[in-house]
């Protein structure tokens, strides 16, 4: 690994840590969903950095990153639909009150 990839990997690690912190500590479901997206984008950044600046540069990381973005977009669509349905039924987006499967 050359030194050109280090800033990208550092930025990816910082983004992932910020997203992980938001997903674990925030109670608003929309913020949790955005934090998960931030973590997915950090993974995409690392995939592109390894694909472009790794020992054997290839397109596999970039293609996998595009696949990951597609999955993330569909995850957001389903997640927002679930959140809207939960908000209509309960009137809140607090994740601590979304425990209907536990009862």
PDB file of N, CA and C in Angstrom:
ATOM      1  N   UNK A   1       0.850  -1.183   0.000  1.00  0.00           N
ATOM      2  CA  UNK A   1       0.000   0.000   0.000  1.00  0.00           C
ATOM      3  C   UNK A   1       0.886   1.233   0.000  1.00  0.00           C
ATOM      4  N   UNK A   2       0.638   2.098  -0.912  1.00  0.00           N
ATOM      5  CA  UNK A   2       1.440   3.310  -0.964  1.00  0.00           C
ATOM      6  C   UNK A   2       0.831   4.386  -0.068  1.00  0.00           C
ATOM      7  N   UNK A   3       1.571   5.485   0.077  1.00  0.00           N
ATOM      8  CA  UNK A   3       1.136   6.537   0.999  1.00  0.00           C
ATOM      9  C   UNK A   3      -0.005   7.369   0.441  1.00  0.00           C
ATOM     10  N   UNK A   4      -0.332   7.225  -0.844  1.00  0.00           N
ATOM     11  CA  UNK A   4      -1.417   8.016  -1.416  1.00  0.00           C
ATOM     12  C   UNK A   4      -2.779   7.595  -0.869  1.00  0.00           C
ATOM     13  N   UNK A   5      -2.909   6.343  -0.480  1.00  0.00           N
ATOM     14  CA  UNK A   5      -4.205   5.849  -0.002  1.00  0.00           C
ATOM     15  C   UNK A   5      -4.460   6.191   1.452  1.00  0.00           C
ATOM     16  N   UNK A   6      -3.439   6.561   2.196  1.00  0.00           N
ATOM     17  CA  UNK A   6      -3.605   6.798   3.633  1.00  0.00           C
ATOM     18  C   UNK A   6      -4.628   7.884   3.956  1.00  0.00           C
ATOM     19  N   UNK A   7      -4.632   9.050   3.288  1.00  0.00           N
ATOM     20  CA  UNK A   7      -5.671  10.043   3.614  1.00  0.00           C
ATOM     21  C   UNK A   7      -7.087   9.546   3.329  1.00  0.00           C
ATOM     22  N   UNK A   8      -7.264   8.771   2.281  1.00  0.00           N
ATOM     23  CA  UNK A   8      -8.589   8.234   1.968  1.00  0.00           C
ATOM     24  C   UNK A   8      -9.044   7.240   3.033  1.00  0.00           C
ATOM     25  N   UNK A   9      -8.109   6.398   3.447  1.00  0.00           N
ATOM     26  CA  UNK A   9      -8.451   5.413   4.469  1.00  0.00           C
ATOM     27  C   UNK A   9      -8.721   6.084   5.806  1.00  0.00           C
ATOM     28  N   UNK A  10      -7.966   7.130   6.113  1.00  0.00           N
ATOM     29  CA  UNK A  10      -8.201   7.871   7.355  1.00  0.00           C
ATOM     30  C   UNK A  10      -9.567   8.546   7.328  1.00  0.00           C
ATOM     31  N   UNK A  11      -9.881   9.185   6.203  1.00  0.00           N
ATOM     32  CA  UNK A  11     -11.195   9.818   6.072  1.00  0.00           C
ATOM     33  C   UNK A  11     -12.312   8.782   6.163  1.00  0.00           C
ATOM     34  N   UNK A  12     -12.109   7.614   5.548  1.00  0.00           N
ATOM     35  CA  UNK A  12     -13.099   6.553   5.630  1.00  0.00           C
ATOM     36  C   UNK A  12     -13.287   6.066   7.068  1.00  0.00           C
ATOM     37  N   UNK A  13     -12.183   5.946   7.794  1.00  0.00           N
ATOM     38  CA  UNK A  13     -12.287   5.508   9.195  1.00  0.00           C
ATOM     39  C   UNK A  13     -13.007   6.551  10.043  1.00  0.00           C
ATOM     40  N   UNK A  14     -12.717   7.822   9.813  1.00  0.00           N
ATOM     41  CA  UNK A  14     -13.388   8.888  10.569  1.00  0.00           C
ATOM     42  C   UNK A  14     -14.876   8.902  10.253  1.00  0.00           C
ATOM     43  N   UNK A  15     -15.231   8.808   8.979  1.00  0.00           N
ATOM     44  CA  UNK A  15     -16.643   8.789   8.601  1.00  0.00           C
ATOM     45  C   UNK A  15     -17.363   7.589   9.209  1.00  0.00           C
ATOM     46  N   UNK A  16     -16.698   6.437   9.189  1.00  0.00           N
ATOM     47  CA  UNK A  16     -17.315   5.242   9.757  1.00  0.00           C
ATOM     48  C   UNK A  16     -17.527   5.402  11.254  1.00  0.00           C
ATOM     49  N   UNK A  17     -16.541   5.975  11.954  1.00  0.00           N
ATOM     50  CA  UNK A  17     -16.672   6.158  13.403  1.00  0.00           C
ATOM     51  C   UNK A  17     -17.780   7.157  13.741  1.00  0.00           C
ATOM     52  N   UNK A  18     -17.895   8.234  12.964  1.00  0.00           N
ATOM     53  CA  UNK A  18     -18.969   9.204  13.190  1.00  0.00           C
ATOM     54  C   UNK A  18     -20.327   8.542  12.953  1.00  0.00           C
ATOM     55  N   UNK A  19     -20.423   7.756  11.901  1.00  0.00           N
ATOM     56  CA  UNK A  19     -21.676   7.047  11.619  1.00  0.00           C
ATOM     57  C   UNK A  19     -22.006   6.021  12.693  1.00  0.00           C
ATOM     58  N   UNK A  20     -20.996   5.305  13.173  1.00  0.00           N
ATOM     59  CA  UNK A  20     -21.213   4.322  14.229  1.00  0.00           C
ATOM     60  C   UNK A  20     -21.670   4.998  15.517  1.00  0.00           C
ATOM     61  N   UNK A  21     -21.048   6.130  15.842  1.00  0.00           N
ATOM     62  CA  UNK A  21     -21.448   6.887  17.028  1.00  0.00           C
ATOM     63  C   UNK A  21     -22.915   7.336  16.903  1.00  0.00           C
ATOM     64  N   UNK A  22     -23.285   7.847  15.732  1.00  0.00           N
ATOM     65  CA  UNK A  22     -24.659   8.298  15.532  1.00  0.00           C
ATOM     66  C   UNK A  22     -25.652   7.156  15.586  1.00  0.00           C
ATOM     67  N   UNK A  23     -25.283   6.012  15.034  1.00  0.00           N
ATOM     68  CA  UNK A  23     -26.207   4.874  15.025  1.00  0.00           C
ATOM     69  C   UNK A  23     -26.399   4.284  16.410  1.00  0.00           C
ATOM     70  N   UNK A  24     -25.373   4.364  17.243  1.00  0.00           N
ATOM     71  CA  UNK A  24     -25.471   3.747  18.568  1.00  0.00           C
ATOM     72  C   UNK A  24     -26.021   4.676  19.628  1.00  0.00           C
ATOM     73  N   UNK A  25     -25.904   5.983  19.450  1.00  0.00           N
ATOM     74  CA  UNK A  25     -26.273   6.890  20.534  1.00  0.00           C
ATOM     75  C   UNK A  25     -27.548   7.683  20.284  1.00  0.00           C
ATOM     76  N   UNK A  26     -27.921   7.900  19.049  1.00  0.00           N
ATOM     77  CA  UNK A  26     -29.079   8.756  18.761  1.00  0.00           C
ATOM     78  C   UNK A  26     -30.380   7.975  18.906  1.00  0.00           C
ATOM     79  N   UNK A  27     -31.433   8.651  19.295  1.00  0.00           N
ATOM     80  CA  UNK A  27     -32.721   8.014  19.500  1.00  0.00           C
ATOM     81  C   UNK A  27     -33.682   8.271  18.350  1.00  0.00           C
ATOM     82  N   UNK A  28     -33.401   9.254  17.522  1.00  0.00           N
ATOM     83  CA  UNK A  28     -34.254   9.567  16.375  1.00  0.00           C
ATOM     84  C   UNK A  28     -33.957   8.571  15.256  1.00  0.00           C
ATOM     85  N   UNK A  29     -34.981   7.925  14.751  1.00  0.00           N
ATOM     86  CA  UNK A  29     -34.796   6.880  13.749  1.00  0.00           C
ATOM     87  C   UNK A  29     -34.248   7.436  12.433  1.00  0.00           C
ATOM     88  N   UNK A  30     -34.596   8.660  12.099  1.00  0.00           N
ATOM     89  CA  UNK A  30     -34.081   9.258  10.869  1.00  0.00           C
ATOM     90  C   UNK A  30     -32.573   9.485  10.987  1.00  0.00           C
ATOM     91  N   UNK A  31     -32.132   9.945  12.149  1.00  0.00           N
ATOM     92  CA  UNK A  31     -30.698  10.160  12.370  1.00  0.00           C
ATOM     93  C   UNK A  31     -29.956   8.829  12.347  1.00  0.00           C
ATOM     94  N   UNK A  32     -30.560   7.791  12.898  1.00  0.00           N
ATOM     95  CA  UNK A  32     -29.934   6.470  12.873  1.00  0.00           C
ATOM     96  C   UNK A  32     -29.800   5.982  11.433  1.00  0.00           C
ATOM     97  N   UNK A  33     -30.828   6.198  10.634  1.00  0.00           N
ATOM     98  CA  UNK A  33     -30.781   5.802   9.221  1.00  0.00           C
ATOM     99  C   UNK A  33     -29.702   6.577   8.464  1.00  0.00           C
ATOM    100  N   UNK A  34     -29.595   7.880   8.741  1.00  0.00           N
ATOM    101  CA  UNK A  34     -28.545   8.679   8.104  1.00  0.00           C
ATOM    102  C   UNK A  34     -27.158   8.243   8.558  1.00  0.00           C
ATOM    103  N   UNK A  35     -27.033   7.845   9.808  1.00  0.00           N
ATOM    104  CA  UNK A  35     -25.739   7.378  10.308  1.00  0.00           C
ATOM    105  C   UNK A  35     -25.330   6.074   9.638  1.00  0.00           C
ATOM    106  N   UNK A  36     -26.281   5.208   9.392  1.00  0.00           N
ATOM    107  CA  UNK A  36     -25.984   3.965   8.678  1.00  0.00           C
ATOM    108  C   UNK A  36     -25.527   4.275   7.255  1.00  0.00           C
ATOM    109  N   UNK A  37     -26.176   5.252   6.630  1.00  0.00           N
ATOM    110  CA  UNK A  37     -25.755   5.653   5.285  1.00  0.00           C
ATOM    111  C   UNK A  37     -24.343   6.230   5.296  1.00  0.00           C
ATOM    112  N   UNK A  38     -24.004   6.966   6.343  1.00  0.00           N
ATOM    113  CA  UNK A  38     -22.650   7.505   6.469  1.00  0.00           C
ATOM    114  C   UNK A  38     -21.621   6.388   6.566  1.00  0.00           C
ATOM    115  N   UNK A  39     -21.959   5.335   7.307  1.00  0.00           N
ATOM    116  CA  UNK A  39     -21.052   4.197   7.409  1.00  0.00           C
ATOM    117  C   UNK A  39     -20.909   3.494   6.060  1.00  0.00           C
ATOM    118  N   UNK A  40     -22.001   3.361   5.327  1.00  0.00           N
ATOM    119  CA  UNK A  40     -21.921   2.729   4.003  1.00  0.00           C
ATOM    120  C   UNK A  40     -21.069   3.557   3.057  1.00  0.00           C
ATOM    121  N   UNK A  41     -21.176   4.887   3.145  1.00  0.00           N
ATOM    122  CA  UNK A  41     -20.352   5.738   2.296  1.00  0.00           C
ATOM    123  C   UNK A  41     -18.878   5.656   2.678  1.00  0.00           C
ATOM    124  N   UNK A  42     -18.584   5.472   3.955  1.00  0.00           N
ATOM    125  CA  UNK A  42     -17.190   5.277   4.374  1.00  0.00           C
ATOM    126  C   UNK A  42     -16.634   3.986   3.782  1.00  0.00           C
ATOM    127  N   UNK A  43     -17.452   2.951   3.768  1.00  0.00           N
ATOM    128  CA  UNK A  43     -17.029   1.684   3.162  1.00  0.00           C
ATOM    129  C   UNK A  43     -16.796   1.874   1.662  1.00  0.00           C
ATOM    130  N   UNK A  44     -17.674   2.615   1.003  1.00  0.00           N
ATOM    131  CA  UNK A  44     -17.503   2.875  -0.426  1.00  0.00           C
ATOM    132  C   UNK A  44     -16.210   3.632  -0.696  1.00  0.00           C
ATOM    133  N   UNK A  45     -15.898   4.600   0.154  1.00  0.00           N
ATOM    134  CA  UNK A  45     -14.659   5.361  -0.015  1.00  0.00           C
ATOM    135  C   UNK A  45     -13.447   4.446   0.103  1.00  0.00           C
ATOM    136  N   UNK A  46     -13.472   3.552   1.071  1.00  0.00           N
ATOM    137  CA  UNK A  46     -12.358   2.619   1.225  1.00  0.00           C
ATOM    138  C   UNK A  46     -12.282   1.648   0.052  1.00  0.00           C
ATOM    139  N   UNK A  47     -13.418   1.201  -0.450  1.00  0.00           N
ATOM    140  CA  UNK A  47     -13.390   0.293  -1.604  1.00  0.00           C
ATOM    141  C   UNK A  47     -12.778   0.967  -2.824  1.00  0.00           C
ATOM    142  N   UNK A  48     -13.154   2.202  -3.066  1.00  0.00           N
ATOM    143  CA  UNK A  48     -12.604   2.914  -4.223  1.00  0.00           C
ATOM    144  C   UNK A  48     -11.117   3.208  -4.016  1.00  0.00           C
ATOM    145  N   UNK A  49     -10.726   3.554  -2.792  1.00  0.00           N
ATOM    146  CA  UNK A  49      -9.307   3.823  -2.518  1.00  0.00           C
ATOM    147  C   UNK A  49      -8.468   2.571  -2.719  1.00  0.00           C
ATOM    148  N   UNK A  50      -8.943   1.431  -2.221  1.00  0.00           N
ATOM    149  CA  UNK A  50      -8.190   0.184  -2.425  1.00  0.00           C
ATOM    150  C   UNK A  50      -8.172  -0.208  -3.894  1.00  0.00           C
ATOM    151  N   UNK A  51      -9.276   0.018  -4.588  1.00  0.00           N
ATOM    152  CA  UNK A  51      -9.327  -0.353  -6.007  1.00  0.00           C
ATOM    153  C   UNK A  51      -8.407   0.525  -6.848  1.00  0.00           C
ATOM    154  N   UNK A  52      -8.305   1.783  -6.512  1.00  0.00           N
ATOM    155  CA  UNK A  52      -7.503   2.702  -7.320  1.00  0.00           C
ATOM    156  C   UNK A  52      -6.036   2.704  -6.911  1.00  0.00           C
ATOM    157  N   UNK A  53      -5.769   2.659  -5.597  1.00  0.00           N
ATOM    158  CA  UNK A  53      -4.412   2.863  -5.114  1.00  0.00           C
ATOM    159  C   UNK A  53      -3.811   1.641  -4.440  1.00  0.00           C
ATOM    160  N   UNK A  54      -4.432   0.488  -4.547  1.00  0.00           N
ATOM    161  CA  UNK A  54      -3.927  -0.718  -3.909  1.00  0.00           C
ATOM    162  C   UNK A  54      -2.759  -1.321  -4.663  1.00  0.00           C
ATOM    163  N   UNK A  55      -2.329  -2.508  -4.227  1.00  0.00           N
ATOM    164  CA  UNK A  55      -1.202  -3.171  -4.875  1.00  0.00           C
ATOM    165  C   UNK A  55      -1.519  -3.554  -6.314  1.00  0.00           C
ATOM    166  N   UNK A  56      -2.734  -4.046  -6.537  1.00  0.00           N
ATOM    167  CA  UNK A  56      -3.148  -4.419  -7.879  1.00  0.00           C
ATOM    168  C   UNK A  56      -4.401  -3.623  -8.232  1.00  0.00           C
ATOM    169  N   UNK A  57      -4.226  -2.429  -8.798  1.00  0.00           N
ATOM    170  CA  UNK A  57      -5.408  -1.618  -9.133  1.00  0.00           C
ATOM    171  C   UNK A  57      -6.311  -2.333 -10.143  1.00  0.00           C
ATOM    172  N   UNK A  58      -7.606  -2.286  -9.861  1.00  0.00           N
ATOM    173  CA  UNK A  58      -8.569  -2.906 -10.756  1.00  0.00           C
ATOM    174  C   UNK A  58      -9.908  -2.204 -10.591  1.00  0.00           C
ATOM    175  N   UNK A  59     -10.864  -2.627 -11.368  1.00  0.00           N
ATOM    176  CA  UNK A  59     -12.194  -2.030 -11.313  1.00  0.00           C
ATOM    177  C   UNK A  59     -13.132  -2.755 -10.355  1.00  0.00           C
ATOM    178  N   UNK A  60     -12.683  -3.835  -9.761  1.00  0.00           N
ATOM    179  CA  UNK A  60     -13.573  -4.634  -8.921  1.00  0.00           C
ATOM    180  C   UNK A  60     -14.087  -3.843  -7.730  1.00  0.00           C
ATOM    181  N   UNK A  61     -13.235  -3.076  -7.092  1.00  0.00           N
ATOM    182  CA  UNK A  61     -13.668  -2.285  -5.944  1.00  0.00           C
ATOM    183  C   UNK A  61     -14.656  -1.207  -6.329  1.00  0.00           C
ATOM    184  N   UNK A  62     -14.431  -0.593  -7.473  1.00  0.00           N
ATOM    185  CA  UNK A  62     -15.346   0.451  -7.929  1.00  0.00           C
ATOM    186  C   UNK A  62     -16.696  -0.143  -8.323  1.00  0.00           C
ATOM    187  N   UNK A  63     -16.670  -1.293  -8.950  1.00  0.00           N
ATOM    188  CA  UNK A  63     -17.928  -1.954  -9.318  1.00  0.00           C
ATOM    189  C   UNK A  63     -18.674  -2.392  -8.067  1.00  0.00           C
ATOM    190  N   UNK A  64     -17.959  -2.930  -7.092  1.00  0.00           N
ATOM    191  CA  UNK A  64     -18.604  -3.330  -5.851  1.00  0.00           C
ATOM    192  C   UNK A  64     -19.142  -2.114  -5.112  1.00  0.00           C
ATOM    193  N   UNK A  65     -18.446  -0.985  -5.223  1.00  0.00           N
ATOM    194  CA  UNK A  65     -18.931   0.252  -4.607  1.00  0.00           C
ATOM    195  C   UNK A  65     -20.235   0.711  -5.259  1.00  0.00           C
ATOM    196  N   UNK A  66     -20.325   0.617  -6.574  1.00  0.00           N
ATOM    197  CA  UNK A  66     -21.581   0.955  -7.255  1.00  0.00           C
ATOM    198  C   UNK A  66     -22.710   0.028  -6.819  1.00  0.00           C
ATOM    199  N   UNK A  67     -22.403  -1.262  -6.679  1.00  0.00           N
ATOM    200  CA  UNK A  67     -23.401  -2.214  -6.183  1.00  0.00           C
ATOM    201  C   UNK A  67     -23.839  -1.840  -4.777  1.00  0.00           C
ATOM    202  N   UNK A  68     -22.873  -1.435  -3.948  1.00  0.00           N
ATOM    203  CA  UNK A  68     -23.169  -1.042  -2.574  1.00  0.00           C
ATOM    204  C   UNK A  68     -24.048   0.204  -2.538  1.00  0.00           C
ATOM    205  N   UNK A  69     -23.816   1.156  -3.433  1.00  0.00           N
ATOM    206  CA  UNK A  69     -24.653   2.354  -3.490  1.00  0.00           C
ATOM    207  C   UNK A  69     -26.081   2.002  -3.897  1.00  0.00           C
ATOM    208  N   UNK A  70     -26.226   1.041  -4.792  1.00  0.00           N
ATOM    209  CA  UNK A  70     -27.558   0.602  -5.204  1.00  0.00           C
ATOM    210  C   UNK A  70     -28.310  -0.032  -4.040  1.00  0.00           C
ATOM    211  N   UNK A  71     -27.613  -0.883  -3.306  1.00  0.00           N
ATOM    212  CA  UNK A  71     -28.227  -1.513  -2.138  1.00  0.00           C
ATOM    213  C   UNK A  71     -28.569  -0.456  -1.096  1.00  0.00           C
ATOM    214  N   UNK A  72     -27.695   0.539  -0.913  1.00  0.00           N
ATOM    215  CA  UNK A  72     -27.950   1.594   0.072  1.00  0.00           C
ATOM    216  C   UNK A  72     -29.164   2.431  -0.325  1.00  0.00           C
ATOM    217  N   UNK A  73     -29.317   2.710  -1.600  1.00  0.00           N
ATOM    218  CA  UNK A  73     -30.471   3.494  -2.048  1.00  0.00           C
ATOM    219  C   UNK A  73     -31.770   2.736  -1.799  1.00  0.00           C
ATOM    220  N   UNK A  74     -31.780   1.443  -2.087  1.00  0.00           N
ATOM    221  CA  UNK A  74     -32.982   0.661  -1.817  1.00  0.00           C
ATOM    222  C   UNK A  74     -33.225   0.523  -0.322  1.00  0.00           C
ATOM    223  N   UNK A  75     -32.146   0.445   0.464  1.00  0.00           N
ATOM    224  CA  UNK A  75     -32.298   0.375   1.918  1.00  0.00           C
ATOM    225  C   UNK A  75     -32.912   1.649   2.462  1.00  0.00           C
ATOM    226  N   UNK A  76     -32.520   2.785   1.919  1.00  0.00           N
ATOM    227  CA  UNK A  76     -33.099   4.060   2.355  1.00  0.00           C
ATOM    228  C   UNK A  76     -34.571   4.129   1.985  1.00  0.00           C
ATOM    229  N   UNK A  77     -34.915   3.691   0.791  1.00  0.00           N
ATOM    230  CA  UNK A  77     -36.319   3.736   0.375  1.00  0.00           C
ATOM    231  C   UNK A  77     -37.191   2.874   1.288  1.00  0.00           C
ATOM    232  N   UNK A  78     -36.736   1.672   1.586  1.00  0.00           N
ATOM    233  CA  UNK A  78     -37.507   0.791   2.469  1.00  0.00           C
ATOM    234  C   UNK A  78     -37.517   1.347   3.896  1.00  0.00           C
ATOM    235  N   UNK A  79     -36.374   1.858   4.348  1.00  0.00           N
ATOM    236  CA  UNK A  79     -36.294   2.402   5.703  1.00  0.00           C
ATOM    237  C   UNK A  79     -37.191   3.607   5.901  1.00  0.00           C
ATOM    238  N   UNK A  80     -37.211   4.513   4.949  1.00  0.00           N
ATOM    239  CA  UNK A  80     -38.085   5.686   5.054  1.00  0.00           C
ATOM    240  C   UNK A  80     -39.551   5.264   5.016  1.00  0.00           C
ATOM    241  N   UNK A  81     -39.880   4.285   4.179  1.00  0.00           N
ATOM    242  CA  UNK A  81     -41.271   3.801   4.137  1.00  0.00           C
ATOM    243  C   UNK A  81     -41.679   3.205   5.476  1.00  0.00           C
ATOM    244  N   UNK A  82     -40.797   2.439   6.092  1.00  0.00           N
ATOM    245  CA  UNK A  82     -41.097   1.864   7.411  1.00  0.00           C
ATOM    246  C   UNK A  82     -41.233   2.963   8.452  1.00  0.00           C
ATOM    247  N   UNK A  83     -40.346   3.953   8.394  1.00  0.00           N
ATOM    248  CA  UNK A  83     -40.414   5.055   9.369  1.00  0.00           C
ATOM    249  C   UNK A  83     -41.699   5.859   9.214  1.00  0.00           C
ATOM    250  N   UNK A  84     -42.121   6.103   7.992  1.00  0.00           N
ATOM    251  CA  UNK A  84     -43.375   6.841   7.775  1.00  0.00           C
ATOM    252  C   UNK A  84     -44.557   6.043   8.319  1.00  0.00           C
ATOM    253  N   UNK A  85     -44.556   4.731   8.075  1.00  0.00           N
ATOM    254  CA  UNK A  85     -45.640   3.892   8.597  1.00  0.00           C
ATOM    255  C   UNK A  85     -45.644   3.878  10.120  1.00  0.00           C
ATOM    256  N   UNK A  86     -44.456   3.777  10.738  1.00  0.00           N
ATOM    257  CA  UNK A  86     -44.380   3.796  12.196  1.00  0.00           C
ATOM    258  C   UNK A  86     -44.799   5.146  12.756  1.00  0.00           C
ATOM    259  N   UNK A  87     -44.423   6.223  12.079  1.00  0.00           N
ATOM    260  CA  UNK A  87     -44.810   7.558  12.551  1.00  0.00           C
ATOM    261  C   UNK A  87     -46.310   7.755  12.459  1.00  0.00           C
ATOM    262  N   UNK A  88     -46.916   7.231  11.420  1.00  0.00           N
ATOM    263  CA  UNK A  88     -48.367   7.356  11.294  1.00  0.00           C
ATOM    264  C   UNK A  88     -49.089   6.553  12.378  1.00  0.00           C
ATOM    265  N   UNK A  89     -48.543   5.400  12.745  1.00  0.00           N
ATOM    266  CA  UNK A  89     -49.202   4.561  13.747  1.00  0.00           C
ATOM    267  C   UNK A  89     -48.940   5.021  15.171  1.00  0.00           C
ATOM    268  N   UNK A  90     -47.717   5.461  15.462  1.00  0.00           N
ATOM    269  CA  UNK A  90     -47.354   5.776  16.837  1.00  0.00           C
ATOM    270  C   UNK A  90     -47.162   7.271  17.088  1.00  0.00           C
ATOM    271  N   UNK A  91     -46.896   8.048  16.043  1.00  0.00           N
ATOM    272  CA  UNK A  91     -46.701   9.474  16.215  1.00  0.00           C
ATOM    273  C   UNK A  91     -45.346   9.867  16.737  1.00  0.00           C
ATOM    274  N   UNK A  92     -44.360   8.978  16.666  1.00  0.00           N
ATOM    275  CA  UNK A  92     -43.016   9.288  17.115  1.00  0.00           C
ATOM    276  C   UNK A  92     -41.998   8.537  16.262  1.00  0.00           C
ATOM    277  N   UNK A  93     -40.774   9.051  16.238  1.00  0.00           N
ATOM    278  CA  UNK A  93     -39.688   8.375  15.526  1.00  0.00           C
ATOM    279  C   UNK A  93     -38.592   7.958  16.499  1.00  0.00           C
ATOM    280  N   UNK A  94     -38.920   7.897  17.769  1.00  0.00           N
ATOM    281  CA  UNK A  94     -37.968   7.490  18.802  1.00  0.00           C
ATOM    282  C   UNK A  94     -37.756   5.975  18.717  1.00  0.00           C
ATOM    283  N   UNK A  95     -36.500   5.561  18.574  1.00  0.00           N
ATOM    284  CA  UNK A  95     -36.216   4.134  18.400  1.00  0.00           C
ATOM    285  C   UNK A  95     -36.446   3.328  19.671  1.00  0.00           C
ATOM    286  N   UNK A  96     -36.452   3.982  20.828  1.00  0.00           N
ATOM    287  CA  UNK A  96     -36.690   3.230  22.066  1.00  0.00           C
ATOM    288  C   UNK A  96     -38.153   2.833  22.213  1.00  0.00           C
ATOM    289  N   UNK A  97     -39.038   3.498  21.474  1.00  0.00           N
ATOM    290  CA  UNK A  97     -40.458   3.155  21.537  1.00  0.00           C
ATOM    291  C   UNK A  97     -40.877   2.209  20.423  1.00  0.00           C
ATOM    292  N   UNK A  98     -39.930   1.775  19.607  1.00  0.00           N
ATOM    293  CA  UNK A  98     -40.237   0.843  18.513  1.00  0.00           C
ATOM    294  C   UNK A  98     -39.903  -0.575  18.953  1.00  0.00           C
ATOM    295  N   UNK A  99     -40.656  -1.065  19.926  1.00  0.00           N
ATOM    296  CA  UNK A  99     -40.391  -2.389  20.474  1.00  0.00           C
ATOM    297  C   UNK A  99     -41.622  -3.279  20.417  1.00  0.00           C
ATOM    298  N   UNK A 100     -42.433  -3.091  19.405  1.00  0.00           N
ATOM    299  CA  UNK A 100     -43.674  -3.863  19.326  1.00  0.00           C
ATOM    300  C   UNK A 100     -43.412  -5.349  19.083  1.00  0.00           C
ATOM    301  N   UNK A 101     -42.269  -5.727  18.528  1.00  0.00           N
ATOM    302  CA  UNK A 101     -41.966  -7.134  18.314  1.00  0.00           C
ATOM    303  C   UNK A 101     -41.503  -7.808  19.601  1.00  0.00           C
ATOM    304  N   UNK A 102     -41.098  -7.029  20.593  1.00  0.00           N
ATOM    305  CA  UNK A 102     -40.676  -7.610  21.870  1.00  0.00           C
ATOM    306  C   UNK A 102     -41.858  -8.046  22.724  1.00  0.00           C
ATOM    307  N   UNK A 103     -43.025  -7.508  22.472  1.00  0.00           N
ATOM    308  CA  UNK A 103     -44.185  -7.784  23.335  1.00  0.00           C
ATOM    309  C   UNK A 103     -44.948  -8.990  22.853  1.00  0.00           C
TER     310      UNK A 103
END
